[in-house]
Amino acid sequence: MRNHFRSNLLHSFAALLVLAAPASGLFAAPANGQTVSKTAAVADAAPTVGKPAPAFSLKDWDGKTRKLADYKGKIVVLEWFNHGCPFVKKHYDSSNMQDLQKTYTGKGVVWLSICSSAEGKQGYGTGEEHKKAFKEKGGAPTVVLIDSEGTVGRQYDAKTTPAMYVIDGKGVLVYAGAIDDNRTADRQAAKTAKNFVAAALNETLAKKQVAISSTKSYGCSIKYKQQ
């Protein structure tokens, strides 16, 4: 009888320890009571300026898979766009974005334009539709990538169109944020605003540290697929 009582007591004590222990392993319970995958939490963390840019692969408008690793050793710009957004129109209707694309691809920079609009939402387009739009606007990115699932947009914590990122030749993120310091949709202002992307690219090309490496992007919210 005494041994049976001791065994029950030990089992009860062990159960209390399990209930009292903090959550660990793959899942953790936050304060709101929802269960969140730790793996997902790490994947969803925003990229950090000064750290390696997150690796990714996406299909381009021809259906060809492109990887960030394909451009190892190159300076890379990531530009999130949505041609239905007034703030994107500001930079394309003024030719500001196209001029940047032409200027810096001419200096060996890789320019990746990314659309994370979900199917059925503003900005979404098939490969052929994106080809037509860029041809009409005279756009000159290196590649246009389609991210309709929103995987890479969320991976980079991209919130607006436009949202801009600069990655140096070592694969380190050296700039993240707005294209410039004029947060209006006035296309006339695009030419006179302080262009953070141009400054970051000039400094990176000159192998200098980027003076302004992080700003808050502005524009339309990215029309992500609902999760």
C-alpha atoms as a PDB file:
ATOM      1  CA  MET A   1       0.000   0.000   0.000  1.00  0.00           C
ATOM      2  CA  ARG A   2       2.771   2.412   0.934  1.00  0.00           C
ATOM      3  CA  ASN A   3       4.592   1.764  -2.374  1.00  0.00           C
ATOM      4  CA  HIS A   4       1.357   2.267  -4.321  1.00  0.00           C
ATOM      5  CA  PHE A   5       0.745   5.602  -2.562  1.00  0.00           C
ATOM      6  CA  ARG A   6       4.333   6.719  -3.253  1.00  0.00           C
ATOM      7  CA  SER A   7       3.997   5.811  -6.953  1.00  0.00           C
ATOM      8  CA  ASN A   8       0.765   7.846  -7.325  1.00  0.00           C
ATOM      9  CA  LEU A   9       2.364  10.795  -5.551  1.00  0.00           C
ATOM     10  CA  LEU A  10       5.373  10.768  -7.881  1.00  0.00           C
ATOM     11  CA  HIS A  11       3.118  10.636 -10.965  1.00  0.00           C
ATOM     12  CA  SER A  12       1.066  13.594  -9.692  1.00  0.00           C
ATOM     13  CA  PHE A  13       4.207  15.599  -8.963  1.00  0.00           C
ATOM     14  CA  ALA A  14       5.574  14.916 -12.455  1.00  0.00           C
ATOM     15  CA  ALA A  15       2.289  16.033 -14.021  1.00  0.00           C
ATOM     16  CA  LEU A  16       2.449  19.311 -12.084  1.00  0.00           C
ATOM     17  CA  LEU A  17       5.997  19.923 -13.340  1.00  0.00           C
ATOM     18  CA  VAL A  18       4.877  19.429 -16.967  1.00  0.00           C
ATOM     19  CA  LEU A  19       1.982  21.856 -16.527  1.00  0.00           C
ATOM     20  CA  ALA A  20       4.156  24.459 -14.830  1.00  0.00           C
ATOM     21  CA  ALA A  21       7.109  24.239 -17.238  1.00  0.00           C
ATOM     22  CA  PRO A  22       7.423  26.973 -19.917  1.00  0.00           C
ATOM     23  CA  ALA A  23       6.541  25.921 -23.446  1.00  0.00           C
ATOM     24  CA  SER A  24       9.535  24.759 -25.445  1.00  0.00           C
ATOM     25  CA  GLY A  25      10.325  22.828 -28.599  1.00  0.00           C
ATOM     26  CA  LEU A  26       8.604  23.515 -31.933  1.00  0.00           C
ATOM     27  CA  PHE A  27       5.539  25.302 -30.542  1.00  0.00           C
ATOM     28  CA  ALA A  28       5.253  27.994 -27.882  1.00  0.00           C
ATOM     29  CA  ALA A  29       2.118  29.526 -26.374  1.00  0.00           C
ATOM     30  CA  PRO A  30       2.167  33.345 -26.379  1.00  0.00           C
ATOM     31  CA  ALA A  31       0.192  35.505 -24.004  1.00  0.00           C
ATOM     32  CA  ASN A  32      -2.883  35.621 -26.231  1.00  0.00           C
ATOM     33  CA  GLY A  33      -3.288  31.866 -25.968  1.00  0.00           C
ATOM     34  CA  GLN A  34      -2.643  31.147 -29.646  1.00  0.00           C
ATOM     35  CA  THR A  35      -0.105  28.525 -30.622  1.00  0.00           C
ATOM     36  CA  VAL A  36       2.666  29.766 -32.862  1.00  0.00           C
ATOM     37  CA  SER A  37       5.310  27.692 -34.597  1.00  0.00           C
ATOM     38  CA  LYS A  38       8.770  28.803 -33.527  1.00  0.00           C
ATOM     39  CA  THR A  39      10.027  27.831 -36.957  1.00  0.00           C
ATOM     40  CA  ALA A  40       7.473  30.162 -38.580  1.00  0.00           C
ATOM     41  CA  ALA A  41       8.339  32.940 -36.146  1.00  0.00           C
ATOM     42  CA  VAL A  42      11.991  32.767 -37.178  1.00  0.00           C
ATOM     43  CA  ALA A  43      11.087  32.682 -40.879  1.00  0.00           C
ATOM     44  CA  ASP A  44       8.815  35.709 -40.487  1.00  0.00           C
ATOM     45  CA  ALA A  45      11.456  37.809 -38.709  1.00  0.00           C
ATOM     46  CA  ALA A  46      12.323  40.982 -40.599  1.00  0.00           C
ATOM     47  CA  PRO A  47      15.713  41.040 -42.339  1.00  0.00           C
ATOM     48  CA  THR A  48      18.371  43.064 -40.551  1.00  0.00           C
ATOM     49  CA  VAL A  49      20.520  45.732 -42.158  1.00  0.00           C
ATOM     50  CA  GLY A  50      24.141  44.732 -41.751  1.00  0.00           C
ATOM     51  CA  LYS A  51      23.301  41.017 -41.860  1.00  0.00           C
ATOM     52  CA  PRO A  52      23.127  38.605 -44.822  1.00  0.00           C
ATOM     53  CA  ALA A  53      20.025  39.155 -46.953  1.00  0.00           C
ATOM     54  CA  PRO A  54      17.568  36.243 -46.747  1.00  0.00           C
ATOM     55  CA  ALA A  55      17.934  33.758 -49.582  1.00  0.00           C
ATOM     56  CA  PHE A  56      14.953  33.223 -51.871  1.00  0.00           C
ATOM     57  CA  SER A  57      13.823  31.922 -55.234  1.00  0.00           C
ATOM     58  CA  LEU A  58      10.910  33.074 -57.391  1.00  0.00           C
ATOM     59  CA  LYS A  59       9.692  32.586 -60.927  1.00  0.00           C
ATOM     60  CA  ASP A  60      10.150  35.424 -63.373  1.00  0.00           C
ATOM     61  CA  TRP A  61       7.600  36.534 -65.957  1.00  0.00           C
ATOM     62  CA  ASP A  62       8.726  33.732 -68.280  1.00  0.00           C
ATOM     63  CA  GLY A  63       8.264  31.088 -65.594  1.00  0.00           C
ATOM     64  CA  LYS A  64      11.999  30.658 -65.063  1.00  0.00           C
ATOM     65  CA  THR A  65      13.115  30.182 -61.454  1.00  0.00           C
ATOM     66  CA  ARG A  66      15.490  32.866 -60.267  1.00  0.00           C
ATOM     67  CA  LYS A  67      17.474  32.707 -57.035  1.00  0.00           C
ATOM     68  CA  LEU A  68      19.113  35.533 -55.142  1.00  0.00           C
ATOM     69  CA  ALA A  69      22.180  33.276 -55.076  1.00  0.00           C
ATOM     70  CA  ASP A  70      22.330  33.513 -58.886  1.00  0.00           C
ATOM     71  CA  TYR A  71      23.657  37.056 -58.434  1.00  0.00           C
ATOM     72  CA  LYS A  72      26.407  36.274 -55.945  1.00  0.00           C
ATOM     73  CA  GLY A  73      29.100  38.937 -56.052  1.00  0.00           C
ATOM     74  CA  LYS A  74      26.738  41.535 -57.547  1.00  0.00           C
ATOM     75  CA  ILE A  75      25.058  44.509 -55.925  1.00  0.00           C
ATOM     76  CA  VAL A  76      21.325  43.794 -55.985  1.00  0.00           C
ATOM     77  CA  VAL A  77      18.289  46.078 -55.652  1.00  0.00           C
ATOM     78  CA  LEU A  78      14.906  44.663 -54.651  1.00  0.00           C
ATOM     79  CA  GLU A  79      11.971  46.862 -55.665  1.00  0.00           C
ATOM     80  CA  TRP A  80       8.407  45.980 -54.646  1.00  0.00           C
ATOM     81  CA  PHE A  81       5.892  47.356 -57.137  1.00  0.00           C
ATOM     82  CA  ASN A  82       2.170  47.491 -57.884  1.00  0.00           C
ATOM     83  CA  HIS A  83       1.385  49.507 -61.005  1.00  0.00           C
ATOM     84  CA  GLY A  84      -2.090  50.318 -59.693  1.00  0.00           C
ATOM     85  CA  CYS A  85      -0.664  52.129 -56.660  1.00  0.00           C
ATOM     86  CA  PRO A  86      -0.532  55.964 -56.876  1.00  0.00           C
ATOM     87  CA  PHE A  87       2.870  56.015 -55.166  1.00  0.00           C
ATOM     88  CA  VAL A  88       4.310  53.574 -57.691  1.00  0.00           C
ATOM     89  CA  LYS A  89       2.718  55.625 -60.472  1.00  0.00           C
ATOM     90  CA  LYS A  90       4.477  58.675 -59.019  1.00  0.00           C
ATOM     91  CA  HIS A  91       7.868  57.109 -59.674  1.00  0.00           C
ATOM     92  CA  TYR A  92       7.025  55.485 -63.019  1.00  0.00           C
ATOM     93  CA  ASP A  93       4.986  58.351 -64.502  1.00  0.00           C
ATOM     94  CA  SER A  94       7.847  60.726 -63.687  1.00  0.00           C
ATOM     95  CA  SER A  95      10.360  58.184 -65.115  1.00  0.00           C
ATOM     96  CA  ASN A  96      12.179  58.344 -61.794  1.00  0.00           C
ATOM     97  CA  MET A  97      12.162  54.572 -61.293  1.00  0.00           C
ATOM     98  CA  GLN A  98      13.096  53.786 -64.884  1.00  0.00           C
ATOM     99  CA  ASP A  99      15.981  56.281 -64.739  1.00  0.00           C
ATOM    100  CA  LEU A 100      17.295  54.604 -61.599  1.00  0.00           C
ATOM    101  CA  GLN A 101      16.981  51.185 -63.197  1.00  0.00           C
ATOM    102  CA  LYS A 102      18.824  52.252 -66.357  1.00  0.00           C
ATOM    103  CA  THR A 103      21.517  54.192 -64.516  1.00  0.00           C
ATOM    104  CA  TYR A 104      22.474  51.476 -62.079  1.00  0.00           C
ATOM    105  CA  THR A 105      22.033  48.385 -64.250  1.00  0.00           C
ATOM    106  CA  GLY A 106      24.396  50.248 -66.564  1.00  0.00           C
ATOM    107  CA  LYS A 107      26.912  50.150 -63.714  1.00  0.00           C
ATOM    108  CA  GLY A 108      26.528  46.416 -63.201  1.00  0.00           C
ATOM    109  CA  VAL A 109      23.848  46.480 -60.513  1.00  0.00           C
ATOM    110  CA  VAL A 110      21.179  43.758 -60.657  1.00  0.00           C
ATOM    111  CA  TRP A 111      17.663  45.196 -60.309  1.00  0.00           C
ATOM    112  CA  LEU A 112      14.909  42.777 -59.293  1.00  0.00           C
ATOM    113  CA  SER A 113      11.357  44.161 -59.445  1.00  0.00           C
ATOM    114  CA  ILE A 114       8.959  42.057 -57.376  1.00  0.00           C
ATOM    115  CA  CYS A 115       5.154  41.970 -57.362  1.00  0.00           C
ATOM    116  CA  SER A 116       3.626  40.399 -54.242  1.00  0.00           C
ATOM    117  CA  SER A 117       0.012  41.240 -55.109  1.00  0.00           C
ATOM    118  CA  ALA A 118      -2.231  38.201 -54.740  1.00  0.00           C
ATOM    119  CA  GLU A 119      -4.353  36.973 -57.636  1.00  0.00           C
ATOM    120  CA  GLY A 120      -7.528  39.038 -57.873  1.00  0.00           C
ATOM    121  CA  LYS A 121      -6.011  42.004 -56.018  1.00  0.00           C
ATOM    122  CA  GLN A 122      -4.679  45.344 -57.235  1.00  0.00           C
ATOM    123  CA  GLY A 123      -1.329  45.015 -58.963  1.00  0.00           C
ATOM    124  CA  TYR A 124      -1.553  41.306 -59.728  1.00  0.00           C
ATOM    125  CA  GLY A 125      -0.590  40.310 -63.224  1.00  0.00           C
ATOM    126  CA  THR A 126       0.423  37.332 -65.281  1.00  0.00           C
ATOM    127  CA  GLY A 127       3.882  37.232 -66.764  1.00  0.00           C
ATOM    128  CA  GLU A 128       2.586  38.540 -70.082  1.00  0.00           C
ATOM    129  CA  GLU A 129       0.647  41.346 -68.385  1.00  0.00           C
ATOM    130  CA  HIS A 130       3.743  42.453 -66.494  1.00  0.00           C
ATOM    131  CA  LYS A 131       5.773  42.347 -69.705  1.00  0.00           C
ATOM    132  CA  LYS A 132       3.249  44.594 -71.407  1.00  0.00           C
ATOM    133  CA  ALA A 133       3.146  47.057 -68.496  1.00  0.00           C
ATOM    134  CA  PHE A 134       6.920  47.385 -68.244  1.00  0.00           C
ATOM    135  CA  LYS A 135       7.258  47.783 -72.002  1.00  0.00           C
ATOM    136  CA  GLU A 136       4.659  50.569 -72.019  1.00  0.00           C
ATOM    137  CA  LYS A 137       6.364  52.323 -69.115  1.00  0.00           C
ATOM    138  CA  GLY A 138       9.876  51.882 -70.450  1.00  0.00           C
ATOM    139  CA  GLY A 139      10.938  50.004 -67.340  1.00  0.00           C
ATOM    140  CA  ALA A 140      14.409  48.504 -67.320  1.00  0.00           C
ATOM    141  CA  PRO A 141      14.803  46.102 -64.388  1.00  0.00           C
ATOM    142  CA  THR A 142      17.104  43.118 -64.769  1.00  0.00           C
ATOM    143  CA  VAL A 143      14.287  40.717 -63.959  1.00  0.00           C
ATOM    144  CA  VAL A 144      10.624  40.955 -62.917  1.00  0.00           C
ATOM    145  CA  LEU A 145       9.650  38.366 -60.311  1.00  0.00           C
ATOM    146  CA  ILE A 146       6.144  37.196 -59.444  1.00  0.00           C
ATOM    147  CA  ASP A 147       5.433  36.559 -55.755  1.00  0.00           C
ATOM    148  CA  SER A 148       1.644  36.162 -55.773  1.00  0.00           C
ATOM    149  CA  GLU A 149       1.770  33.888 -52.712  1.00  0.00           C
ATOM    150  CA  GLY A 150       3.528  36.695 -50.852  1.00  0.00           C
ATOM    151  CA  THR A 151       6.251  34.390 -49.553  1.00  0.00           C
ATOM    152  CA  VAL A 152       9.241  36.591 -50.308  1.00  0.00           C
ATOM    153  CA  GLY A 153       7.425  39.829 -49.534  1.00  0.00           C
ATOM    154  CA  ARG A 154       6.670  38.576 -46.052  1.00  0.00           C
ATOM    155  CA  GLN A 155      10.157  37.132 -45.734  1.00  0.00           C
ATOM    156  CA  TYR A 156      11.543  40.629 -46.285  1.00  0.00           C
ATOM    157  CA  ASP A 157       8.822  42.274 -44.188  1.00  0.00           C
ATOM    158  CA  ALA A 158       7.916  44.417 -47.209  1.00  0.00           C
ATOM    159  CA  LYS A 159       4.884  46.507 -46.286  1.00  0.00           C
ATOM    160  CA  THR A 160       4.417  49.050 -49.060  1.00  0.00           C
ATOM    161  CA  THR A 161       4.779  49.668 -52.755  1.00  0.00           C
ATOM    162  CA  PRO A 162       7.346  50.829 -53.401  1.00  0.00           C
ATOM    163  CA  ALA A 163       9.614  49.188 -50.797  1.00  0.00           C
ATOM    164  CA  MET A 164      13.320  49.188 -51.566  1.00  0.00           C
ATOM    165  CA  TYR A 165      16.286  47.078 -50.490  1.00  0.00           C
ATOM    166  CA  VAL A 166      19.967  47.186 -51.467  1.00  0.00           C
ATOM    167  CA  ILE A 167      22.230  44.149 -51.060  1.00  0.00           C
ATOM    168  CA  ASP A 168      25.975  44.484 -51.495  1.00  0.00           C
ATOM    169  CA  GLY A 169      28.321  42.159 -53.368  1.00  0.00           C
ATOM    170  CA  LYS A 170      28.928  40.121 -50.221  1.00  0.00           C
ATOM    171  CA  GLY A 171      25.216  39.400 -49.880  1.00  0.00           C
ATOM    172  CA  VAL A 172      24.748  41.782 -46.959  1.00  0.00           C
ATOM    173  CA  LEU A 173      21.643  43.955 -46.711  1.00  0.00           C
ATOM    174  CA  VAL A 174      22.950  47.538 -46.632  1.00  0.00           C
ATOM    175  CA  TYR A 175      19.727  49.509 -47.134  1.00  0.00           C
ATOM    176  CA  ALA A 176      16.043  48.926 -46.443  1.00  0.00           C
ATOM    177  CA  GLY A 177      13.141  51.343 -46.602  1.00  0.00           C
ATOM    178  CA  ALA A 178      11.727  54.163 -48.708  1.00  0.00           C
ATOM    179  CA  ILE A 179      12.909  55.191 -52.136  1.00  0.00           C
ATOM    180  CA  ASP A 180      13.192  58.847 -51.097  1.00  0.00           C
ATOM    181  CA  ASP A 181      12.246  61.430 -48.468  1.00  0.00           C
ATOM    182  CA  ASN A 182       9.126  62.813 -50.172  1.00  0.00           C
ATOM    183  CA  ARG A 183       6.244  60.761 -48.830  1.00  0.00           C
ATOM    184  CA  THR A 184       3.567  62.190 -51.122  1.00  0.00           C
ATOM    185  CA  ALA A 185       2.158  60.800 -54.366  1.00  0.00           C
ATOM    186  CA  ASP A 186       3.169  63.971 -56.235  1.00  0.00           C
ATOM    187  CA  ARG A 187       5.159  62.847 -59.247  1.00  0.00           C
ATOM    188  CA  GLN A 188       6.717  66.293 -59.645  1.00  0.00           C
ATOM    189  CA  ALA A 189       8.426  65.806 -56.277  1.00  0.00           C
ATOM    190  CA  ALA A 190      10.185  62.612 -57.352  1.00  0.00           C
ATOM    191  CA  LYS A 191      12.959  64.449 -59.171  1.00  0.00           C
ATOM    192  CA  THR A 192      13.812  66.862 -56.356  1.00  0.00           C
ATOM    193  CA  ALA A 193      13.487  64.546 -53.353  1.00  0.00           C
ATOM    194  CA  LYS A 194      16.505  63.065 -51.585  1.00  0.00           C
ATOM    195  CA  ASN A 195      16.801  59.599 -53.123  1.00  0.00           C
ATOM    196  CA  PHE A 196      17.918  57.136 -50.467  1.00  0.00           C
ATOM    197  CA  VAL A 197      18.344  54.265 -52.937  1.00  0.00           C
ATOM    198  CA  ALA A 198      20.608  56.235 -55.264  1.00  0.00           C
ATOM    199  CA  ALA A 199      22.698  57.381 -52.298  1.00  0.00           C
ATOM    200  CA  ALA A 200      22.992  53.830 -50.958  1.00  0.00           C
ATOM    201  CA  LEU A 201      23.993  52.506 -54.373  1.00  0.00           C
ATOM    202  CA  ASN A 202      26.567  55.238 -54.950  1.00  0.00           C
ATOM    203  CA  GLU A 203      28.149  54.576 -51.561  1.00  0.00           C
ATOM    204  CA  THR A 204      28.096  50.818 -52.059  1.00  0.00           C
ATOM    205  CA  LEU A 205      29.637  51.089 -55.519  1.00  0.00           C
ATOM    206  CA  ALA A 206      32.362  53.288 -53.996  1.00  0.00           C
ATOM    207  CA  LYS A 207      32.865  50.647 -51.270  1.00  0.00           C
ATOM    208  CA  LYS A 208      31.811  53.108 -48.601  1.00  0.00           C
ATOM    209  CA  GLN A 209      29.514  52.509 -45.663  1.00  0.00           C
ATOM    210  CA  VAL A 210      25.919  53.505 -46.380  1.00  0.00           C
ATOM    211  CA  ALA A 211      25.239  56.650 -44.352  1.00  0.00           C
ATOM    212  CA  ILE A 212      21.437  56.269 -44.221  1.00  0.00           C
ATOM    213  CA  SER A 213      20.876  52.521 -44.138  1.00  0.00           C
ATOM    214  CA  SER A 214      17.295  52.284 -42.879  1.00  0.00           C
ATOM    215  CA  THR A 215      14.162  54.370 -43.331  1.00  0.00           C
ATOM    216  CA  LYS A 216      10.432  53.747 -43.086  1.00  0.00           C
ATOM    217  CA  SER A 217       8.951  52.904 -46.476  1.00  0.00           C
ATOM    218  CA  TYR A 218       5.825  54.683 -47.681  1.00  0.00           C
ATOM    219  CA  GLY A 219       3.159  53.986 -50.282  1.00  0.00           C
ATOM    220  CA  CYS A 220       0.248  51.596 -50.716  1.00  0.00           C
ATOM    221  CA  SER A 221      -0.028  48.543 -48.529  1.00  0.00           C
ATOM    222  CA  ILE A 222       1.057  45.392 -50.354  1.00  0.00           C
ATOM    223  CA  LYS A 223      -2.004  43.428 -51.416  1.00  0.00           C
ATOM    224  CA  TYR A 224      -0.978  40.120 -49.903  1.00  0.00           C
ATOM    225  CA  LYS A 225      -2.867  36.863 -50.157  1.00  0.00           C
ATOM    226  CA  GLN A 226      -4.869  36.319 -46.980  1.00  0.00           C
ATOM    227  CA  GLN A 227      -3.426  33.705 -44.689  1.00  0.00           C
END
